[in-house]
Amino acid sequence: MSLSINDTAPDFEADTTHGRIRFHEWIDGSWAVLFSHPKDFTPVCTTELGYMAKIQPEFERRGVKIIGLSVDSVADHATWASDIEETQGAKPNYPIIGDADFQVSKLYGMLPASTAGDAKARTPNDNQTVRNVFVIGPDKKIKLILVYPMSTGRNFDEVLRVIDALQLSAKHKVSTPVNWKPGDDVIISGAVSNDEARQLFGEWKEPKPYIRIVPQPS
């Protein structure tokens, strides 16, 4: 299946390094980030999982749960976690889904529905499309999809920035401009009339009638 922004994130049951979960129950009204990997013991993914372990408190501060996925068994994930700690200086303290049966990868459109066989017999290149980041809101809707090639490490600081923007837009009727960072000015949503905007924001800068700029709401 092909997933798009605003689709409901597919629910599933799976074994993880923290035990068996049902995904929607695990989200439990929080924001969530699901990030996937084509294979255990791969170099780029090792750096990514380690960095996520280091910045996990930043996600928690924003009320966001992290969950990884790799197309191997939970037992392999446990061994890999030791390598991650040794080489990256931090051990994942978030669950990592075991997807040796390809269930979740296929459900999220990262592998063809016809994928079958022994996960151990597959190479990282066979699973190269399992390199997605899904940001999911408390309503279980997909808010962001990022897809990276195997050769390029993901920028999880950017994922944090996007979450800040998404949470701001969810709380206030604003959008964020190019290269926005927390504290920068924002744009009043196009769905807000001028009358409503005056009630919400007072005055604004207006270089064009369709660009209404205000300080970031606190």
C-alpha atoms as a PDB file:
ATOM      1  CA  MET A   1       0.000   0.000   0.000  1.00  0.00           C
ATOM      2  CA  SER A   2       1.050   3.585  -0.539  1.00  0.00           C
ATOM      3  CA  LEU A   3       0.820   5.888   2.476  1.00  0.00           C
ATOM      4  CA  SER A   4       0.408   9.654   2.394  1.00  0.00           C
ATOM      5  CA  ILE A   5       0.325  12.489   4.895  1.00  0.00           C
ATOM      6  CA  ASN A   6      -2.992  12.518   6.840  1.00  0.00           C
ATOM      7  CA  ASP A   7      -3.514   8.768   6.334  1.00  0.00           C
ATOM      8  CA  THR A   8      -4.067   6.787   9.519  1.00  0.00           C
ATOM      9  CA  ALA A   9      -0.846   5.001  10.442  1.00  0.00           C
ATOM     10  CA  PRO A  10      -1.536   1.278   9.991  1.00  0.00           C
ATOM     11  CA  ASP A  11      -1.922  -0.641  13.245  1.00  0.00           C
ATOM     12  CA  PHE A  12      -0.014  -3.874  13.840  1.00  0.00           C
ATOM     13  CA  GLU A  13       1.219  -6.288  16.483  1.00  0.00           C
ATOM     14  CA  ALA A  14       4.916  -7.075  16.593  1.00  0.00           C
ATOM     15  CA  ASP A  15       7.714  -8.243  18.845  1.00  0.00           C
ATOM     16  CA  THR A  16      10.195  -5.567  19.870  1.00  0.00           C
ATOM     17  CA  THR A  17      13.256  -5.297  22.070  1.00  0.00           C
ATOM     18  CA  HIS A  18      10.815  -4.094  24.778  1.00  0.00           C
ATOM     19  CA  GLY A  19       8.351  -6.942  24.318  1.00  0.00           C
ATOM     20  CA  ARG A  20       5.301  -7.418  22.144  1.00  0.00           C
ATOM     21  CA  ILE A  21       3.274  -4.319  21.294  1.00  0.00           C
ATOM     22  CA  ARG A  22       0.154  -3.281  19.454  1.00  0.00           C
ATOM     23  CA  PHE A  23       1.224  -0.110  17.731  1.00  0.00           C
ATOM     24  CA  HIS A  24      -1.835   2.082  18.286  1.00  0.00           C
ATOM     25  CA  GLU A  25      -1.988   1.093  21.952  1.00  0.00           C
ATOM     26  CA  TRP A  26       1.721   1.841  22.281  1.00  0.00           C
ATOM     27  CA  ILE A  27       1.236   5.361  20.836  1.00  0.00           C
ATOM     28  CA  ASP A  28      -1.428   5.934  23.536  1.00  0.00           C
ATOM     29  CA  GLY A  29      -2.226   9.561  22.710  1.00  0.00           C
ATOM     30  CA  SER A  30       1.396  10.660  22.225  1.00  0.00           C
ATOM     31  CA  TRP A  31       3.266  11.829  19.174  1.00  0.00           C
ATOM     32  CA  ALA A  32       5.461   9.078  17.729  1.00  0.00           C
ATOM     33  CA  VAL A  33       8.395   8.609  15.370  1.00  0.00           C
ATOM     34  CA  LEU A  34       8.807   5.289  13.541  1.00  0.00           C
ATOM     35  CA  PHE A  35      12.132   5.035  11.713  1.00  0.00           C
ATOM     36  CA  SER A  36      13.129   1.981   9.704  1.00  0.00           C
ATOM     37  CA  HIS A  37      16.335   0.212   8.676  1.00  0.00           C
ATOM     38  CA  PRO A  38      17.058  -2.348   5.935  1.00  0.00           C
ATOM     39  CA  LYS A  39      19.303  -4.626   8.005  1.00  0.00           C
ATOM     40  CA  ASP A  40      21.055  -4.978  11.352  1.00  0.00           C
ATOM     41  CA  PHE A  41      24.819  -4.455  11.574  1.00  0.00           C
ATOM     42  CA  THR A  42      24.892  -1.879   8.776  1.00  0.00           C
ATOM     43  CA  PRO A  43      27.208   1.121   9.233  1.00  0.00           C
ATOM     44  CA  VAL A  44      24.984   4.112   8.464  1.00  0.00           C
ATOM     45  CA  CYS A  45      22.080   2.709  10.484  1.00  0.00           C
ATOM     46  CA  THR A  46      24.413   2.015  13.405  1.00  0.00           C
ATOM     47  CA  THR A  47      25.274   5.720  13.583  1.00  0.00           C
ATOM     48  CA  GLU A  48      21.591   6.671  13.312  1.00  0.00           C
ATOM     49  CA  LEU A  49      20.385   4.411  16.101  1.00  0.00           C
ATOM     50  CA  GLY A  50      23.202   5.648  18.326  1.00  0.00           C
ATOM     51  CA  TYR A  51      22.399   9.291  17.693  1.00  0.00           C
ATOM     52  CA  MET A  52      18.720   8.715  18.376  1.00  0.00           C
ATOM     53  CA  ALA A  53      19.705   7.145  21.692  1.00  0.00           C
ATOM     54  CA  LYS A  54      21.668  10.282  22.573  1.00  0.00           C
ATOM     55  CA  ILE A  55      18.861  12.719  21.723  1.00  0.00           C
ATOM     56  CA  GLN A  56      15.958  10.624  22.994  1.00  0.00           C
ATOM     57  CA  PRO A  57      15.449  13.063  25.930  1.00  0.00           C
ATOM     58  CA  GLU A  58      14.737  15.824  23.379  1.00  0.00           C
ATOM     59  CA  PHE A  59      11.916  13.750  21.898  1.00  0.00           C
ATOM     60  CA  GLU A  60      10.584  12.896  25.346  1.00  0.00           C
ATOM     61  CA  ARG A  61      10.593  16.591  26.281  1.00  0.00           C
ATOM     62  CA  ARG A  62       8.233  17.146  23.352  1.00  0.00           C
ATOM     63  CA  GLY A  63       5.978  14.232  24.324  1.00  0.00           C
ATOM     64  CA  VAL A  64       7.209  12.088  21.435  1.00  0.00           C
ATOM     65  CA  LYS A  65       7.815   8.335  21.586  1.00  0.00           C
ATOM     66  CA  ILE A  66      10.536   6.765  19.419  1.00  0.00           C
ATOM     67  CA  ILE A  67      10.400   3.305  17.884  1.00  0.00           C
ATOM     68  CA  GLY A  68      12.839   1.750  15.441  1.00  0.00           C
ATOM     69  CA  LEU A  69      12.399  -1.082  12.967  1.00  0.00           C
ATOM     70  CA  SER A  70      14.873  -3.318  11.181  1.00  0.00           C
ATOM     71  CA  VAL A  71      14.348  -6.264   8.869  1.00  0.00           C
ATOM     72  CA  ASP A  72      15.886  -8.799  11.233  1.00  0.00           C
ATOM     73  CA  SER A  73      14.927 -10.587  14.433  1.00  0.00           C
ATOM     74  CA  VAL A  74      14.645  -9.104  17.916  1.00  0.00           C
ATOM     75  CA  ALA A  75      17.517 -11.369  19.013  1.00  0.00           C
ATOM     76  CA  ASP A  76      19.737  -9.822  16.338  1.00  0.00           C
ATOM     77  CA  HIS A  77      18.633  -6.352  17.458  1.00  0.00           C
ATOM     78  CA  ALA A  78      19.818  -7.103  21.004  1.00  0.00           C
ATOM     79  CA  THR A  79      23.292  -8.064  19.770  1.00  0.00           C
ATOM     80  CA  TRP A  80      23.408  -5.035  17.475  1.00  0.00           C
ATOM     81  CA  ALA A  81      22.505  -2.749  20.391  1.00  0.00           C
ATOM     82  CA  SER A  82      25.760  -3.727  22.102  1.00  0.00           C
ATOM     83  CA  ASP A  83      27.700  -2.793  18.963  1.00  0.00           C
ATOM     84  CA  ILE A  84      25.828   0.521  18.819  1.00  0.00           C
ATOM     85  CA  GLU A  85      26.755   1.305  22.406  1.00  0.00           C
ATOM     86  CA  GLU A  86      30.399   0.350  21.853  1.00  0.00           C
ATOM     87  CA  THR A  87      30.863   2.376  18.646  1.00  0.00           C
ATOM     88  CA  GLN A  88      28.469   5.316  19.180  1.00  0.00           C
ATOM     89  CA  GLY A  89      28.656   5.795  22.930  1.00  0.00           C
ATOM     90  CA  ALA A  90      24.944   5.270  23.560  1.00  0.00           C
ATOM     91  CA  LYS A  91      22.684   2.224  23.659  1.00  0.00           C
ATOM     92  CA  PRO A  92      19.120   2.405  22.327  1.00  0.00           C
ATOM     93  CA  ASN A  93      16.656   2.707  25.188  1.00  0.00           C
ATOM     94  CA  TYR A  94      13.650   2.735  22.881  1.00  0.00           C
ATOM     95  CA  PRO A  95      11.954  -0.309  21.334  1.00  0.00           C
ATOM     96  CA  ILE A  96      13.161  -1.699  18.011  1.00  0.00           C
ATOM     97  CA  ILE A  97      10.674  -3.791  16.058  1.00  0.00           C
ATOM     98  CA  GLY A  98      11.747  -7.188  14.797  1.00  0.00           C
ATOM     99  CA  ASP A  99      10.458  -7.418  11.231  1.00  0.00           C
ATOM    100  CA  ALA A 100      12.006 -10.669  10.034  1.00  0.00           C
ATOM    101  CA  ASP A 101       8.640 -11.635   8.501  1.00  0.00           C
ATOM    102  CA  PHE A 102       8.460  -8.258   6.640  1.00  0.00           C
ATOM    103  CA  GLN A 103       4.962  -7.643   8.059  1.00  0.00           C
ATOM    104  CA  VAL A 104       5.442  -4.013   9.044  1.00  0.00           C
ATOM    105  CA  SER A 105       7.693  -3.117   6.124  1.00  0.00           C
ATOM    106  CA  LYS A 106       5.008  -4.338   3.710  1.00  0.00           C
ATOM    107  CA  LEU A 107       2.173  -2.756   5.685  1.00  0.00           C
ATOM    108  CA  TYR A 108       3.901   0.627   5.466  1.00  0.00           C
ATOM    109  CA  GLY A 109       4.671   0.267   1.762  1.00  0.00           C
ATOM    110  CA  MET A 110       8.433  -0.035   2.221  1.00  0.00           C
ATOM    111  CA  LEU A 111       8.676  -3.499   0.656  1.00  0.00           C
ATOM    112  CA  PRO A 112       6.520  -5.081  -2.058  1.00  0.00           C
ATOM    113  CA  ALA A 113       3.608  -7.216  -0.857  1.00  0.00           C
ATOM    114  CA  SER A 114       5.208 -10.186  -2.615  1.00  0.00           C
ATOM    115  CA  THR A 115       8.331 -10.091  -0.379  1.00  0.00           C
ATOM    116  CA  ALA A 116       8.880 -13.450   1.321  1.00  0.00           C
ATOM    117  CA  GLY A 117      11.573 -15.863   2.438  1.00  0.00           C
ATOM    118  CA  ASP A 118      14.328 -15.833   5.035  1.00  0.00           C
ATOM    119  CA  ALA A 119      15.272 -12.349   6.212  1.00  0.00           C
ATOM    120  CA  LYS A 120      18.816 -13.546   6.951  1.00  0.00           C
ATOM    121  CA  ALA A 121      19.244 -14.501   3.295  1.00  0.00           C
ATOM    122  CA  ARG A 122      18.481 -10.949   2.166  1.00  0.00           C
ATOM    123  CA  THR A 123      21.139  -8.269   1.806  1.00  0.00           C
ATOM    124  CA  PRO A 124      20.771  -4.623   2.852  1.00  0.00           C
ATOM    125  CA  ASN A 125      20.443  -3.803  -0.848  1.00  0.00           C
ATOM    126  CA  ASP A 126      17.443  -6.143  -1.085  1.00  0.00           C
ATOM    127  CA  ASN A 127      15.771  -4.033   1.626  1.00  0.00           C
ATOM    128  CA  GLN A 128      17.135  -0.632   0.607  1.00  0.00           C
ATOM    129  CA  THR A 129      13.660   0.922   0.486  1.00  0.00           C
ATOM    130  CA  VAL A 130      13.212   0.341   4.232  1.00  0.00           C
ATOM    131  CA  ARG A 131      14.711   3.760   5.061  1.00  0.00           C
ATOM    132  CA  ASN A 132      11.692   5.809   6.096  1.00  0.00           C
ATOM    133  CA  VAL A 133      10.846   8.179   8.916  1.00  0.00           C
ATOM    134  CA  PHE A 134       7.167   8.476   9.846  1.00  0.00           C
ATOM    135  CA  VAL A 135       6.030  11.168  12.278  1.00  0.00           C
ATOM    136  CA  ILE A 136       2.624  10.253  13.683  1.00  0.00           C
ATOM    137  CA  GLY A 137       0.335  12.527  15.673  1.00  0.00           C
ATOM    138  CA  PRO A 138      -1.747  11.716  18.755  1.00  0.00           C
ATOM    139  CA  ASP A 139      -4.689  11.210  16.382  1.00  0.00           C
ATOM    140  CA  LYS A 140      -2.646   8.386  14.792  1.00  0.00           C
ATOM    141  CA  LYS A 141      -2.493  10.283  11.502  1.00  0.00           C
ATOM    142  CA  ILE A 142       0.765  10.443   9.561  1.00  0.00           C
ATOM    143  CA  LYS A 143       2.127  13.994   9.715  1.00  0.00           C
ATOM    144  CA  LEU A 144       5.461  13.531   7.907  1.00  0.00           C
ATOM    145  CA  ILE A 145       7.152  10.940   5.697  1.00  0.00           C
ATOM    146  CA  LEU A 146      10.865  11.131   4.920  1.00  0.00           C
ATOM    147  CA  VAL A 147      12.614   8.596   2.685  1.00  0.00           C
ATOM    148  CA  TYR A 148      16.411   8.376   2.580  1.00  0.00           C
ATOM    149  CA  PRO A 149      18.847   6.333   0.471  1.00  0.00           C
ATOM    150  CA  MET A 150      21.083   3.828   2.250  1.00  0.00           C
ATOM    151  CA  SER A 151      24.195   5.910   1.598  1.00  0.00           C
ATOM    152  CA  THR A 152      22.912   9.039   3.378  1.00  0.00           C
ATOM    153  CA  GLY A 153      22.565   9.291   7.133  1.00  0.00           C
ATOM    154  CA  ARG A 154      19.350  10.882   8.308  1.00  0.00           C
ATOM    155  CA  ASN A 155      19.211  14.297   9.996  1.00  0.00           C
ATOM    156  CA  PHE A 156      17.269  13.690  13.199  1.00  0.00           C
ATOM    157  CA  ASP A 157      17.800  17.277  14.319  1.00  0.00           C
ATOM    158  CA  GLU A 158      15.611  18.169  11.332  1.00  0.00           C
ATOM    159  CA  VAL A 159      12.985  15.693  12.538  1.00  0.00           C
ATOM    160  CA  LEU A 160      12.946  17.520  15.882  1.00  0.00           C
ATOM    161  CA  ARG A 161      12.588  20.860  14.068  1.00  0.00           C
ATOM    162  CA  VAL A 162       9.641  19.550  12.050  1.00  0.00           C
ATOM    163  CA  ILE A 163       7.993  18.191  15.193  1.00  0.00           C
ATOM    164  CA  ASP A 164       8.352  21.624  16.807  1.00  0.00           C
ATOM    165  CA  ALA A 165       6.652  23.147  13.755  1.00  0.00           C
ATOM    166  CA  LEU A 166       3.911  20.509  13.651  1.00  0.00           C
ATOM    167  CA  GLN A 167       3.126  20.891  17.338  1.00  0.00           C
ATOM    168  CA  LEU A 168       3.070  24.677  17.028  1.00  0.00           C
ATOM    169  CA  SER A 169       0.666  24.496  14.081  1.00  0.00           C
ATOM    170  CA  ALA A 170      -1.518  22.005  15.941  1.00  0.00           C
ATOM    171  CA  LYS A 171      -1.834  24.371  18.922  1.00  0.00           C
ATOM    172  CA  HIS A 172      -2.050  27.716  17.109  1.00  0.00           C
ATOM    173  CA  LYS A 173      -3.482  28.651  13.712  1.00  0.00           C
ATOM    174  CA  VAL A 174      -0.095  29.309  12.119  1.00  0.00           C
ATOM    175  CA  SER A 175       2.307  27.866   9.569  1.00  0.00           C
ATOM    176  CA  THR A 176       6.097  28.060   9.592  1.00  0.00           C
ATOM    177  CA  PRO A 177       8.155  29.658   6.780  1.00  0.00           C
ATOM    178  CA  VAL A 178      11.268  28.365   5.062  1.00  0.00           C
ATOM    179  CA  ASN A 179      14.118  27.387   7.402  1.00  0.00           C
ATOM    180  CA  TRP A 180      11.990  28.271  10.440  1.00  0.00           C
ATOM    181  CA  LYS A 181      13.479  27.601  13.857  1.00  0.00           C
ATOM    182  CA  PRO A 182      11.755  27.849  17.241  1.00  0.00           C
ATOM    183  CA  GLY A 183      11.466  31.503  18.172  1.00  0.00           C
ATOM    184  CA  ASP A 184      11.318  32.793  14.607  1.00  0.00           C
ATOM    185  CA  ASP A 185       8.307  34.626  13.190  1.00  0.00           C
ATOM    186  CA  VAL A 186       5.472  32.537  11.771  1.00  0.00           C
ATOM    187  CA  ILE A 187       2.720  32.929   9.177  1.00  0.00           C
ATOM    188  CA  ILE A 188      -0.976  33.142  10.003  1.00  0.00           C
ATOM    189  CA  SER A 189      -2.782  30.173   8.469  1.00  0.00           C
ATOM    190  CA  GLY A 190      -4.563  30.895   5.193  1.00  0.00           C
ATOM    191  CA  ALA A 191      -7.720  29.364   6.654  1.00  0.00           C
ATOM    192  CA  VAL A 192      -7.946  32.191   9.215  1.00  0.00           C
ATOM    193  CA  SER A 193      -9.929  35.265   8.143  1.00  0.00           C
ATOM    194  CA  ASN A 194      -8.594  38.740   8.857  1.00  0.00           C
ATOM    195  CA  ASP A 195     -11.312  39.282  11.464  1.00  0.00           C
ATOM    196  CA  GLU A 196     -10.375  36.095  13.307  1.00  0.00           C
ATOM    197  CA  ALA A 197      -6.672  36.898  12.906  1.00  0.00           C
ATOM    198  CA  ARG A 198      -7.168  40.268  14.632  1.00  0.00           C
ATOM    199  CA  GLN A 199      -8.819  38.519  17.564  1.00  0.00           C
ATOM    200  CA  LEU A 200      -6.046  35.931  17.785  1.00  0.00           C
ATOM    201  CA  PHE A 201      -2.939  37.917  16.946  1.00  0.00           C
ATOM    202  CA  GLY A 202      -3.765  41.619  16.913  1.00  0.00           C
ATOM    203  CA  GLU A 203      -1.598  43.235  14.242  1.00  0.00           C
ATOM    204  CA  TRP A 204       0.680  41.586  11.691  1.00  0.00           C
ATOM    205  CA  LYS A 205       3.186  42.412   8.989  1.00  0.00           C
ATOM    206  CA  GLU A 206       1.767  41.950   5.499  1.00  0.00           C
ATOM    207  CA  PRO A 207       4.223  42.147   2.578  1.00  0.00           C
ATOM    208  CA  LYS A 208       1.391  40.719   0.466  1.00  0.00           C
ATOM    209  CA  PRO A 209      -2.259  40.139   1.443  1.00  0.00           C
ATOM    210  CA  TYR A 210      -1.635  36.389   1.469  1.00  0.00           C
ATOM    211  CA  ILE A 211       1.506  36.632   3.658  1.00  0.00           C
ATOM    212  CA  ARG A 212       0.586  37.641   7.219  1.00  0.00           C
ATOM    213  CA  ILE A 213       3.594  37.468   9.547  1.00  0.00           C
ATOM    214  CA  VAL A 214       3.427  37.469  13.355  1.00  0.00           C
ATOM    215  CA  PRO A 215       5.788  36.569  16.217  1.00  0.00           C
ATOM    216  CA  GLN A 216       5.668  32.932  17.240  1.00  0.00           C
ATOM    217  CA  PRO A 217       2.838  32.427  19.753  1.00  0.00           C
ATOM    218  CA  SER A 218       4.063  31.381  23.173  1.00  0.00           C
END
